[in-house]
Amino acid sequence: MNDRINIVKTELLSDNWYTLNKVTYEYINKTDHRTTQSREVYDRGNGATILLYNAKSKKVILTRQFRLPTFMNGNENGMLIEACAGLLDQDDPENCIRKETEEETGYKISRVKKIFESYMSPGAVTEILHFFVAEYDKAMKVGEGGGLEEEQENIEVLELDFEKALNMIYTGEIKDAKTIMLLQYAKIHDLV
């Protein structure tokens, strides 16, 4: 427990899709000055993401889907190219990412490697994202992917040359932070 922070009040603002709270807290800074601050904190749960790569063919599997917040912030058609990802719900990160990979991409993977975890937007969102990589091949393809209809997912599966995917960061075709981080990890560690 941190004795420099005291939560004074938490007010529920919304629990429509996820939880949005207004939190009032006292904070003692490094000069021992106590201040009271309020922040909105969005809790959507923790998640996992993965980059599927094929070292022999030098390809990666990514997805493309509509993301309303990006559309509202200037992404003309709202479509975003991303690495496969999902919320943990009640799963542990490894089981979650195996399940999400099959649902979204149609590939059934067994061996995954966790590479790190990261807060993605720590100024307002509680989420920790667990990052994974896994090698894939055609024999692992067990379905079409595309996501779950009951979750209103409409996901297009993309198999791209790794260098093309990496270059799409610089052309602006890939703007998703988790995907950029995974592609750069793959480049730094010579996975593909």
N, C-alpha and C. Protein backbone atom coordinates (compact mmCIF):
# COMPACT_ATOMS: atom_id res chain seq x y z
N MET A 1 0.84 -1.18 0.00
CA MET A 1 0.00 0.00 0.00
C MET A 1 0.89 1.24 0.00
N ASN A 2 0.49 2.23 -0.74
CA ASN A 2 1.24 3.46 -0.86
C ASN A 2 0.67 4.49 0.11
N ASP A 3 1.44 4.89 1.11
CA ASP A 3 0.93 5.82 2.12
C ASP A 3 0.96 7.27 1.65
N ARG A 4 1.40 7.51 0.42
CA ARG A 4 1.40 8.86 -0.13
C ARG A 4 0.12 9.15 -0.94
N ILE A 5 -0.72 8.13 -1.10
CA ILE A 5 -1.96 8.28 -1.86
C ILE A 5 -3.13 7.81 -1.00
N ASN A 6 -4.18 8.63 -0.95
CA ASN A 6 -5.39 8.28 -0.20
C ASN A 6 -6.60 8.53 -1.09
N ILE A 7 -7.31 7.45 -1.44
CA ILE A 7 -8.53 7.59 -2.24
C ILE A 7 -9.62 8.14 -1.31
N VAL A 8 -10.14 9.31 -1.65
CA VAL A 8 -11.15 9.98 -0.82
C VAL A 8 -12.55 9.55 -1.23
N LYS A 9 -12.80 9.51 -2.54
CA LYS A 9 -14.15 9.20 -3.02
C LYS A 9 -14.07 8.64 -4.43
N THR A 10 -14.94 7.66 -4.71
CA THR A 10 -15.08 7.11 -6.04
C THR A 10 -16.54 7.21 -6.44
N GLU A 11 -16.79 7.90 -7.55
CA GLU A 11 -18.16 8.07 -8.05
C GLU A 11 -18.30 7.34 -9.38
N LEU A 12 -19.30 6.46 -9.48
CA LEU A 12 -19.57 5.75 -10.71
C LEU A 12 -20.23 6.71 -11.71
N LEU A 13 -19.59 6.90 -12.86
CA LEU A 13 -20.16 7.76 -13.91
C LEU A 13 -20.89 6.95 -14.96
N SER A 14 -20.38 5.73 -15.24
CA SER A 14 -21.01 4.87 -16.24
C SER A 14 -20.55 3.44 -16.05
N ASP A 15 -21.47 2.51 -16.24
CA ASP A 15 -21.10 1.10 -16.32
C ASP A 15 -21.86 0.46 -17.48
N ASN A 16 -22.01 1.25 -18.54
CA ASN A 16 -22.76 0.82 -19.71
C ASN A 16 -22.04 -0.27 -20.49
N TRP A 17 -20.81 -0.03 -20.88
CA TRP A 17 -20.03 -1.03 -21.62
C TRP A 17 -18.91 -1.54 -20.72
N TYR A 18 -18.13 -0.61 -20.19
CA TYR A 18 -17.14 -0.89 -19.16
C TYR A 18 -17.41 0.08 -18.03
N THR A 19 -16.49 0.26 -17.10
CA THR A 19 -16.74 1.10 -15.94
C THR A 19 -15.94 2.40 -16.03
N LEU A 20 -16.64 3.51 -15.84
CA LEU A 20 -15.99 4.81 -15.79
C LEU A 20 -16.30 5.42 -14.43
N ASN A 21 -15.24 5.70 -13.67
CA ASN A 21 -15.37 6.30 -12.34
C ASN A 21 -14.68 7.65 -12.29
N LYS A 22 -15.20 8.52 -11.45
CA LYS A 22 -14.49 9.76 -11.10
C LYS A 22 -13.90 9.51 -9.72
N VAL A 23 -12.58 9.58 -9.64
CA VAL A 23 -11.87 9.26 -8.40
C VAL A 23 -11.26 10.55 -7.85
N THR A 24 -11.59 10.86 -6.61
CA THR A 24 -10.97 11.98 -5.90
C THR A 24 -9.97 11.39 -4.92
N TYR A 25 -8.76 11.93 -4.94
CA TYR A 25 -7.71 11.37 -4.09
C TYR A 25 -6.79 12.47 -3.58
N GLU A 26 -6.16 12.16 -2.47
CA GLU A 26 -5.12 13.03 -1.91
C GLU A 26 -3.79 12.40 -2.27
N TYR A 27 -2.86 13.29 -2.66
CA TYR A 27 -1.55 12.82 -3.07
C TYR A 27 -0.49 13.68 -2.39
N ILE A 28 0.46 13.02 -1.74
CA ILE A 28 1.57 13.73 -1.11
C ILE A 28 2.75 13.66 -2.08
N ASN A 29 3.18 14.84 -2.59
CA ASN A 29 4.24 14.85 -3.60
C ASN A 29 5.63 14.73 -2.95
N LYS A 30 6.67 14.84 -3.77
CA LYS A 30 8.03 14.60 -3.29
C LYS A 30 8.52 15.66 -2.30
N THR A 31 7.83 16.82 -2.24
CA THR A 31 8.19 17.85 -1.25
C THR A 31 7.26 17.77 -0.03
N ASP A 32 6.54 16.66 0.09
CA ASP A 32 5.59 16.41 1.18
C ASP A 32 4.41 17.37 1.20
N HIS A 33 4.10 17.94 0.08
CA HIS A 33 2.92 18.81 -0.05
C HIS A 33 1.72 17.94 -0.44
N ARG A 34 0.63 18.06 0.30
CA ARG A 34 -0.59 17.29 0.05
C ARG A 34 -1.52 18.08 -0.87
N THR A 35 -1.94 17.42 -1.96
CA THR A 35 -2.91 18.02 -2.87
C THR A 35 -4.09 17.07 -3.04
N THR A 36 -5.23 17.64 -3.36
CA THR A 36 -6.41 16.84 -3.69
C THR A 36 -6.66 16.99 -5.18
N GLN A 37 -6.83 15.86 -5.85
CA GLN A 37 -7.04 15.85 -7.29
C GLN A 37 -8.20 14.93 -7.63
N SER A 38 -8.81 15.16 -8.79
CA SER A 38 -9.86 14.28 -9.30
C SER A 38 -9.50 13.87 -10.72
N ARG A 39 -9.73 12.59 -11.02
CA ARG A 39 -9.49 12.07 -12.37
C ARG A 39 -10.60 11.09 -12.73
N GLU A 40 -10.91 11.02 -14.01
CA GLU A 40 -11.80 9.97 -14.50
C GLU A 40 -10.94 8.77 -14.87
N VAL A 41 -11.36 7.60 -14.42
CA VAL A 41 -10.60 6.37 -14.64
C VAL A 41 -11.52 5.36 -15.31
N TYR A 42 -11.08 4.87 -16.47
CA TYR A 42 -11.86 3.94 -17.27
C TYR A 42 -11.30 2.54 -17.05
N ASP A 43 -12.15 1.62 -16.59
CA ASP A 43 -11.73 0.24 -16.33
C ASP A 43 -12.42 -0.67 -17.32
N ARG A 44 -11.66 -1.17 -18.27
CA ARG A 44 -12.20 -2.08 -19.27
C ARG A 44 -11.66 -3.50 -19.11
N GLY A 45 -10.88 -3.70 -18.05
CA GLY A 45 -10.26 -5.00 -17.84
C GLY A 45 -8.90 -5.07 -18.51
N ASN A 46 -8.16 -6.11 -18.21
CA ASN A 46 -6.84 -6.32 -18.81
C ASN A 46 -6.97 -7.15 -20.07
N GLY A 47 -5.94 -7.11 -20.91
CA GLY A 47 -6.02 -7.80 -22.19
C GLY A 47 -4.73 -8.48 -22.57
N ALA A 48 -4.78 -9.11 -23.75
CA ALA A 48 -3.61 -9.79 -24.30
C ALA A 48 -3.60 -9.57 -25.81
N THR A 49 -2.39 -9.52 -26.37
CA THR A 49 -2.23 -9.36 -27.81
C THR A 49 -1.09 -10.24 -28.28
N ILE A 50 -1.11 -10.56 -29.58
CA ILE A 50 -0.10 -11.48 -30.11
C ILE A 50 0.26 -11.13 -31.55
N LEU A 51 1.52 -11.34 -31.87
CA LEU A 51 1.96 -11.28 -33.26
C LEU A 51 2.25 -12.71 -33.71
N LEU A 52 1.50 -13.17 -34.70
CA LEU A 52 1.78 -14.46 -35.33
C LEU A 52 2.77 -14.20 -36.46
N TYR A 53 3.84 -14.97 -36.49
CA TYR A 53 4.86 -14.79 -37.53
C TYR A 53 5.30 -16.13 -38.08
N ASN A 54 5.73 -16.12 -39.33
CA ASN A 54 6.26 -17.31 -39.97
C ASN A 54 7.67 -16.95 -40.45
N ALA A 55 8.66 -17.50 -39.77
CA ALA A 55 10.05 -17.15 -40.06
C ALA A 55 10.48 -17.62 -41.46
N LYS A 56 9.93 -18.74 -41.94
CA LYS A 56 10.32 -19.26 -43.25
C LYS A 56 9.77 -18.40 -44.39
N SER A 57 8.47 -18.09 -44.31
CA SER A 57 7.87 -17.31 -45.41
C SER A 57 8.02 -15.81 -45.20
N LYS A 58 8.50 -15.42 -44.02
CA LYS A 58 8.69 -14.00 -43.66
C LYS A 58 7.37 -13.24 -43.74
N LYS A 59 6.33 -13.85 -43.15
CA LYS A 59 5.00 -13.24 -43.13
C LYS A 59 4.50 -13.13 -41.70
N VAL A 60 3.52 -12.25 -41.53
CA VAL A 60 2.84 -12.07 -40.24
C VAL A 60 1.34 -12.07 -40.49
N ILE A 61 0.61 -12.42 -39.44
CA ILE A 61 -0.86 -12.38 -39.48
C ILE A 61 -1.31 -11.17 -38.67
N LEU A 62 -2.07 -10.30 -39.33
CA LEU A 62 -2.70 -9.15 -38.67
C LEU A 62 -4.19 -9.18 -38.98
N THR A 63 -4.92 -8.28 -38.39
CA THR A 63 -6.36 -8.20 -38.63
C THR A 63 -6.73 -6.78 -39.02
N ARG A 64 -7.91 -6.65 -39.62
CA ARG A 64 -8.43 -5.32 -39.93
C ARG A 64 -9.89 -5.31 -39.48
N GLN A 65 -10.25 -4.25 -38.73
CA GLN A 65 -11.63 -4.11 -38.29
C GLN A 65 -11.98 -2.65 -38.04
N PHE A 66 -13.28 -2.39 -38.00
CA PHE A 66 -13.77 -1.04 -37.76
C PHE A 66 -13.61 -0.70 -36.29
N ARG A 67 -13.05 0.50 -36.00
CA ARG A 67 -12.89 1.00 -34.64
C ARG A 67 -13.50 2.39 -34.56
N LEU A 68 -14.67 2.49 -33.95
CA LEU A 68 -15.41 3.74 -33.88
C LEU A 68 -14.59 4.90 -33.32
N PRO A 69 -13.86 4.74 -32.20
CA PRO A 69 -13.10 5.89 -31.69
C PRO A 69 -12.11 6.45 -32.70
N THR A 70 -11.50 5.61 -33.53
CA THR A 70 -10.57 6.13 -34.52
C THR A 70 -11.31 6.90 -35.60
N PHE A 71 -12.48 6.42 -35.98
CA PHE A 71 -13.30 7.13 -36.96
C PHE A 71 -13.68 8.51 -36.45
N MET A 72 -14.04 8.57 -35.16
CA MET A 72 -14.44 9.84 -34.56
C MET A 72 -13.26 10.80 -34.41
N ASN A 73 -12.03 10.26 -34.49
CA ASN A 73 -10.85 11.09 -34.35
C ASN A 73 -10.08 11.23 -35.67
N GLY A 74 -10.81 11.16 -36.79
CA GLY A 74 -10.21 11.48 -38.07
C GLY A 74 -9.79 10.33 -38.96
N ASN A 75 -9.91 9.08 -38.51
CA ASN A 75 -9.60 7.93 -39.35
C ASN A 75 -10.77 7.78 -40.33
N GLU A 76 -10.55 8.19 -41.56
CA GLU A 76 -11.60 8.39 -42.55
C GLU A 76 -12.61 7.24 -42.66
N ASN A 77 -12.15 6.01 -42.73
CA ASN A 77 -13.09 4.89 -42.86
C ASN A 77 -13.23 4.09 -41.56
N GLY A 78 -12.49 4.45 -40.53
CA GLY A 78 -12.59 3.79 -39.23
C GLY A 78 -11.94 2.42 -39.16
N MET A 79 -11.36 1.96 -40.27
CA MET A 79 -10.73 0.64 -40.28
C MET A 79 -9.31 0.75 -39.70
N LEU A 80 -8.95 -0.24 -38.90
CA LEU A 80 -7.64 -0.24 -38.26
C LEU A 80 -7.00 -1.60 -38.45
N ILE A 81 -5.73 -1.60 -38.84
CA ILE A 81 -4.95 -2.84 -38.95
C ILE A 81 -4.28 -3.06 -37.61
N GLU A 82 -4.49 -4.26 -37.06
CA GLU A 82 -4.04 -4.56 -35.69
C GLU A 82 -3.51 -5.98 -35.56
N ALA A 83 -2.77 -6.18 -34.51
CA ALA A 83 -2.43 -7.54 -34.07
C ALA A 83 -3.66 -8.10 -33.37
N CYS A 84 -3.83 -9.38 -33.43
CA CYS A 84 -4.92 -10.06 -32.73
C CYS A 84 -4.84 -9.72 -31.24
N ALA A 85 -6.01 -9.46 -30.63
CA ALA A 85 -6.03 -9.10 -29.21
C ALA A 85 -7.41 -9.35 -28.62
N GLY A 86 -7.47 -9.38 -27.31
CA GLY A 86 -8.76 -9.52 -26.63
C GLY A 86 -8.62 -9.28 -25.15
N LEU A 87 -9.77 -9.08 -24.51
CA LEU A 87 -9.81 -8.89 -23.07
C LEU A 87 -9.69 -10.23 -22.36
N LEU A 88 -9.06 -10.24 -21.20
CA LEU A 88 -8.85 -11.48 -20.46
C LEU A 88 -10.16 -12.07 -19.93
N ASP A 89 -11.11 -11.23 -19.60
CA ASP A 89 -12.31 -11.68 -18.91
C ASP A 89 -11.86 -12.45 -17.68
N GLN A 90 -12.17 -13.72 -17.58
CA GLN A 90 -11.75 -14.51 -16.42
C GLN A 90 -10.55 -15.42 -16.72
N ASP A 91 -10.03 -15.35 -17.96
CA ASP A 91 -8.91 -16.21 -18.36
C ASP A 91 -7.57 -15.64 -17.88
N ASP A 92 -6.57 -16.53 -17.82
CA ASP A 92 -5.21 -16.05 -17.65
C ASP A 92 -4.73 -15.59 -19.03
N PRO A 93 -3.70 -14.76 -19.10
CA PRO A 93 -3.28 -14.19 -20.38
C PRO A 93 -2.96 -15.22 -21.47
N GLU A 94 -2.28 -16.31 -21.14
CA GLU A 94 -1.93 -17.30 -22.17
C GLU A 94 -3.15 -17.99 -22.75
N ASN A 95 -4.07 -18.43 -21.89
CA ASN A 95 -5.28 -19.07 -22.40
C ASN A 95 -6.13 -18.10 -23.20
N CYS A 96 -6.21 -16.87 -22.73
CA CYS A 96 -6.95 -15.84 -23.45
C CYS A 96 -6.41 -15.66 -24.85
N ILE A 97 -5.10 -15.52 -25.00
CA ILE A 97 -4.56 -15.20 -26.31
C ILE A 97 -4.65 -16.40 -27.25
N ARG A 98 -4.58 -17.60 -26.74
CA ARG A 98 -4.78 -18.78 -27.60
C ARG A 98 -6.22 -18.79 -28.14
N LYS A 99 -7.19 -18.54 -27.26
CA LYS A 99 -8.60 -18.52 -27.64
C LYS A 99 -8.87 -17.39 -28.64
N GLU A 100 -8.38 -16.19 -28.35
CA GLU A 100 -8.59 -15.04 -29.23
C GLU A 100 -7.95 -15.28 -30.60
N THR A 101 -6.79 -15.89 -30.62
CA THR A 101 -6.10 -16.17 -31.88
C THR A 101 -6.96 -17.05 -32.77
N GLU A 102 -7.52 -18.10 -32.21
CA GLU A 102 -8.36 -19.00 -33.01
C GLU A 102 -9.64 -18.30 -33.47
N GLU A 103 -10.28 -17.55 -32.55
CA GLU A 103 -11.53 -16.85 -32.90
C GLU A 103 -11.30 -15.80 -33.99
N GLU A 104 -10.22 -15.01 -33.84
CA GLU A 104 -10.02 -13.88 -34.75
C GLU A 104 -9.29 -14.26 -36.04
N THR A 105 -8.33 -15.17 -35.95
CA THR A 105 -7.50 -15.45 -37.14
C THR A 105 -7.75 -16.83 -37.75
N GLY A 106 -8.35 -17.74 -36.99
CA GLY A 106 -8.56 -19.10 -37.48
C GLY A 106 -7.37 -20.02 -37.27
N TYR A 107 -6.30 -19.53 -36.63
CA TYR A 107 -5.12 -20.35 -36.36
C TYR A 107 -5.17 -20.88 -34.93
N LYS A 108 -4.97 -22.19 -34.79
CA LYS A 108 -4.92 -22.81 -33.46
C LYS A 108 -3.45 -22.97 -33.09
N ILE A 109 -3.03 -22.20 -32.11
CA ILE A 109 -1.63 -22.24 -31.69
C ILE A 109 -1.54 -22.86 -30.31
N SER A 110 -0.44 -23.51 -30.03
CA SER A 110 -0.26 -24.10 -28.71
C SER A 110 0.87 -23.43 -27.95
N ARG A 111 1.96 -23.11 -28.65
CA ARG A 111 3.11 -22.51 -27.98
C ARG A 111 3.13 -21.01 -28.22
N VAL A 112 3.07 -20.26 -27.13
CA VAL A 112 3.17 -18.81 -27.20
C VAL A 112 4.31 -18.38 -26.29
N LYS A 113 4.88 -17.22 -26.60
CA LYS A 113 5.95 -16.68 -25.77
C LYS A 113 5.54 -15.29 -25.31
N LYS A 114 5.46 -15.12 -23.98
CA LYS A 114 5.17 -13.79 -23.45
C LYS A 114 6.45 -12.97 -23.51
N ILE A 115 6.33 -11.75 -24.05
CA ILE A 115 7.53 -10.93 -24.20
C ILE A 115 7.56 -9.74 -23.25
N PHE A 116 6.40 -9.20 -22.88
CA PHE A 116 6.33 -8.13 -21.89
C PHE A 116 4.88 -7.78 -21.63
N GLU A 117 4.64 -6.84 -20.74
CA GLU A 117 3.32 -6.28 -20.52
C GLU A 117 3.46 -4.78 -20.39
N SER A 118 2.36 -4.08 -20.71
CA SER A 118 2.44 -2.62 -20.76
C SER A 118 1.09 -2.00 -20.45
N TYR A 119 1.13 -0.86 -19.74
CA TYR A 119 -0.05 0.00 -19.64
C TYR A 119 -0.13 0.74 -20.97
N MET A 120 -1.30 0.75 -21.59
CA MET A 120 -1.41 1.35 -22.92
C MET A 120 -1.83 2.82 -22.90
N SER A 121 -2.57 3.24 -21.90
CA SER A 121 -2.98 4.63 -21.79
C SER A 121 -3.12 4.97 -20.31
N PRO A 122 -1.99 5.03 -19.59
CA PRO A 122 -2.02 5.10 -18.13
C PRO A 122 -2.60 6.38 -17.53
N GLY A 123 -2.83 7.38 -18.34
CA GLY A 123 -3.41 8.61 -17.81
C GLY A 123 -4.90 8.49 -17.53
N ALA A 124 -5.56 7.49 -18.12
CA ALA A 124 -7.01 7.39 -17.94
C ALA A 124 -7.55 5.97 -17.91
N VAL A 125 -6.77 4.98 -18.35
CA VAL A 125 -7.28 3.61 -18.49
C VAL A 125 -6.46 2.67 -17.61
N THR A 126 -7.14 1.77 -16.88
CA THR A 126 -6.46 0.86 -15.96
C THR A 126 -5.80 -0.32 -16.66
N GLU A 127 -6.14 -0.61 -17.90
CA GLU A 127 -5.74 -1.82 -18.60
C GLU A 127 -4.23 -2.05 -18.66
N ILE A 128 -3.84 -3.29 -18.35
CA ILE A 128 -2.50 -3.81 -18.63
C ILE A 128 -2.67 -4.77 -19.80
N LEU A 129 -1.83 -4.63 -20.81
CA LEU A 129 -1.88 -5.51 -21.97
C LEU A 129 -0.67 -6.44 -21.93
N HIS A 130 -0.93 -7.75 -22.03
CA HIS A 130 0.10 -8.79 -22.04
C HIS A 130 0.45 -9.07 -23.51
N PHE A 131 1.72 -8.96 -23.86
CA PHE A 131 2.19 -9.10 -25.24
C PHE A 131 2.81 -10.48 -25.45
N PHE A 132 2.43 -11.12 -26.57
CA PHE A 132 2.92 -12.45 -26.91
C PHE A 132 3.36 -12.47 -28.38
N VAL A 133 4.20 -13.44 -28.69
CA VAL A 133 4.53 -13.79 -30.07
C VAL A 133 4.40 -15.31 -30.19
N ALA A 134 4.10 -15.75 -31.41
CA ALA A 134 4.03 -17.19 -31.68
C ALA A 134 4.27 -17.43 -33.16
N GLU A 135 4.96 -18.51 -33.43
CA GLU A 135 5.18 -18.89 -34.82
C GLU A 135 3.96 -19.66 -35.32
N TYR A 136 3.60 -19.44 -36.57
CA TYR A 136 2.47 -20.15 -37.17
C TYR A 136 2.90 -20.77 -38.49
N ASP A 137 2.13 -21.76 -38.93
CA ASP A 137 2.27 -22.29 -40.28
C ASP A 137 0.88 -22.69 -40.78
N LYS A 138 0.79 -23.02 -42.04
CA LYS A 138 -0.51 -23.30 -42.68
C LYS A 138 -1.23 -24.47 -42.01
N ALA A 139 -0.49 -25.44 -41.45
CA ALA A 139 -1.12 -26.60 -40.81
C ALA A 139 -1.92 -26.21 -39.57
N MET A 140 -1.66 -25.04 -39.01
CA MET A 140 -2.36 -24.59 -37.81
C MET A 140 -3.69 -23.92 -38.13
N LYS A 141 -3.98 -23.71 -39.41
CA LYS A 141 -5.22 -23.05 -39.82
C LYS A 141 -6.37 -24.05 -39.65
N VAL A 142 -7.29 -23.74 -38.71
CA VAL A 142 -8.40 -24.64 -38.42
C VAL A 142 -9.76 -24.00 -38.71
N GLY A 143 -9.76 -22.75 -39.08
CA GLY A 143 -11.02 -22.06 -39.35
C GLY A 143 -10.77 -20.77 -40.12
N GLU A 144 -11.84 -20.06 -40.38
CA GLU A 144 -11.75 -18.81 -41.14
C GLU A 144 -11.35 -17.62 -40.28
N GLY A 145 -11.59 -17.70 -38.97
CA GLY A 145 -11.35 -16.55 -38.12
C GLY A 145 -12.47 -15.54 -38.31
N GLY A 146 -12.18 -14.29 -38.06
CA GLY A 146 -13.19 -13.25 -38.25
C GLY A 146 -13.88 -12.81 -36.98
N GLY A 147 -13.63 -13.48 -35.88
CA GLY A 147 -14.23 -13.08 -34.61
C GLY A 147 -15.57 -13.76 -34.37
N LEU A 148 -16.18 -13.39 -33.25
CA LEU A 148 -17.45 -13.99 -32.85
C LEU A 148 -18.62 -13.07 -33.20
N GLU A 149 -19.63 -13.64 -33.81
CA GLU A 149 -20.80 -12.86 -34.18
C GLU A 149 -21.50 -12.28 -32.96
N GLU A 150 -21.58 -13.06 -31.86
CA GLU A 150 -22.25 -12.57 -30.65
C GLU A 150 -21.51 -11.40 -30.00
N GLU A 151 -20.24 -11.22 -30.34
CA GLU A 151 -19.47 -10.07 -29.86
C GLU A 151 -19.45 -8.96 -30.90
N GLN A 152 -20.25 -9.11 -31.94
CA GLN A 152 -20.37 -8.13 -33.03
C GLN A 152 -19.01 -7.84 -33.68
N GLU A 153 -18.20 -8.88 -33.78
CA GLU A 153 -16.90 -8.72 -34.42
C GLU A 153 -17.04 -9.01 -35.91
N ASN A 154 -16.38 -8.23 -36.70
CA ASN A 154 -16.35 -8.40 -38.15
C ASN A 154 -14.91 -8.16 -38.57
N ILE A 155 -14.09 -9.18 -38.40
CA ILE A 155 -12.63 -9.05 -38.52
C ILE A 155 -12.15 -9.68 -39.81
N GLU A 156 -11.34 -8.94 -40.55
CA GLU A 156 -10.68 -9.45 -41.75
C GLU A 156 -9.28 -9.91 -41.36
N VAL A 157 -8.91 -11.11 -41.77
CA VAL A 157 -7.60 -11.66 -41.47
C VAL A 157 -6.66 -11.31 -42.62
N LEU A 158 -5.48 -10.77 -42.28
CA LEU A 158 -4.48 -10.36 -43.27
C LEU A 158 -3.20 -11.15 -43.06
N GLU A 159 -2.68 -11.73 -44.12
CA GLU A 159 -1.34 -12.32 -44.08
C GLU A 159 -0.45 -11.43 -44.93
N LEU A 160 0.50 -10.78 -44.27
CA LEU A 160 1.34 -9.78 -44.94
C LEU A 160 2.81 -10.14 -44.86
N ASP A 161 3.55 -9.75 -45.89
CA ASP A 161 5.01 -9.84 -45.82
C ASP A 161 5.45 -8.97 -44.64
N PHE A 162 6.37 -9.48 -43.85
CA PHE A 162 6.80 -8.76 -42.66
C PHE A 162 7.33 -7.37 -42.99
N GLU A 163 8.19 -7.27 -43.99
CA GLU A 163 8.76 -5.97 -44.33
C GLU A 163 7.68 -4.99 -44.78
N LYS A 164 6.69 -5.48 -45.50
CA LYS A 164 5.57 -4.62 -45.91
C LYS A 164 4.83 -4.13 -44.67
N ALA A 165 4.53 -5.03 -43.73
CA ALA A 165 3.82 -4.65 -42.50
C ALA A 165 4.63 -3.62 -41.72
N LEU A 166 5.91 -3.85 -41.61
CA LEU A 166 6.78 -2.90 -40.91
C LEU A 166 6.76 -1.53 -41.59
N ASN A 167 6.82 -1.52 -42.90
CA ASN A 167 6.79 -0.26 -43.65
C ASN A 167 5.45 0.45 -43.50
N MET A 168 4.37 -0.30 -43.25
CA MET A 168 3.04 0.30 -43.09
C MET A 168 2.96 1.19 -41.84
N ILE A 169 3.87 1.00 -40.92
CA ILE A 169 3.95 1.92 -39.77
C ILE A 169 4.35 3.30 -40.29
N TYR A 170 5.34 3.34 -41.16
CA TYR A 170 5.90 4.59 -41.62
C TYR A 170 5.02 5.28 -42.67
N THR A 171 4.20 4.50 -43.38
CA THR A 171 3.28 5.10 -44.34
C THR A 171 1.99 5.56 -43.67
N GLY A 172 1.81 5.18 -42.40
CA GLY A 172 0.59 5.56 -41.67
C GLY A 172 -0.55 4.58 -41.83
N GLU A 173 -0.31 3.47 -42.52
CA GLU A 173 -1.37 2.47 -42.68
C GLU A 173 -1.59 1.67 -41.40
N ILE A 174 -0.56 1.56 -40.57
CA ILE A 174 -0.68 0.93 -39.26
C ILE A 174 -0.42 2.01 -38.22
N LYS A 175 -1.46 2.29 -37.40
CA LYS A 175 -1.36 3.33 -36.38
C LYS A 175 -1.67 2.79 -34.98
N ASP A 176 -1.90 1.51 -34.87
CA ASP A 176 -2.25 0.89 -33.60
C ASP A 176 -1.00 0.63 -32.78
N ALA A 177 -0.97 1.14 -31.55
CA ALA A 177 0.24 1.08 -30.71
C ALA A 177 0.70 -0.35 -30.44
N LYS A 178 -0.22 -1.23 -30.07
CA LYS A 178 0.20 -2.60 -29.74
C LYS A 178 0.82 -3.29 -30.94
N THR A 179 0.28 -3.03 -32.12
CA THR A 179 0.78 -3.64 -33.35
C THR A 179 2.16 -3.08 -33.68
N ILE A 180 2.33 -1.80 -33.54
CA ILE A 180 3.63 -1.18 -33.78
C ILE A 180 4.68 -1.77 -32.84
N MET A 181 4.32 -1.90 -31.58
CA MET A 181 5.26 -2.46 -30.59
C MET A 181 5.65 -3.89 -30.94
N LEU A 182 4.68 -4.70 -31.36
CA LEU A 182 4.96 -6.09 -31.70
C LEU A 182 5.81 -6.20 -32.97
N LEU A 183 5.50 -5.41 -33.98
CA LEU A 183 6.30 -5.44 -35.20
C LEU A 183 7.73 -4.99 -34.95
N GLN A 184 7.89 -3.96 -34.14
CA GLN A 184 9.23 -3.50 -33.82
C GLN A 184 9.99 -4.53 -32.97
N TYR A 185 9.28 -5.21 -32.06
CA TYR A 185 9.91 -6.28 -31.29
C TYR A 185 10.42 -7.37 -32.25
N ALA A 186 9.58 -7.75 -33.21
CA ALA A 186 9.97 -8.79 -34.16
C ALA A 186 11.20 -8.37 -34.97
N LYS A 187 11.27 -7.11 -35.34
CA LYS A 187 12.42 -6.60 -36.09
C LYS A 187 13.68 -6.60 -35.23
N ILE A 188 13.57 -6.09 -34.02
CA ILE A 188 14.72 -6.01 -33.12
C ILE A 188 15.28 -7.39 -32.80
N HIS A 189 14.40 -8.37 -32.67
CA HIS A 189 14.81 -9.71 -32.25
C HIS A 189 14.92 -10.69 -33.42
N ASP A 190 14.89 -10.17 -34.64
CA ASP A 190 15.07 -10.99 -35.85
C ASP A 190 14.17 -12.24 -35.87
N LEU A 191 12.90 -12.05 -35.53
CA LEU A 191 11.98 -13.20 -35.55
C LEU A 191 11.61 -13.60 -36.97
N VAL A 192 11.50 -12.60 -37.84
CA VAL A 192 11.03 -12.85 -39.21
C VAL A 192 12.13 -12.49 -40.20
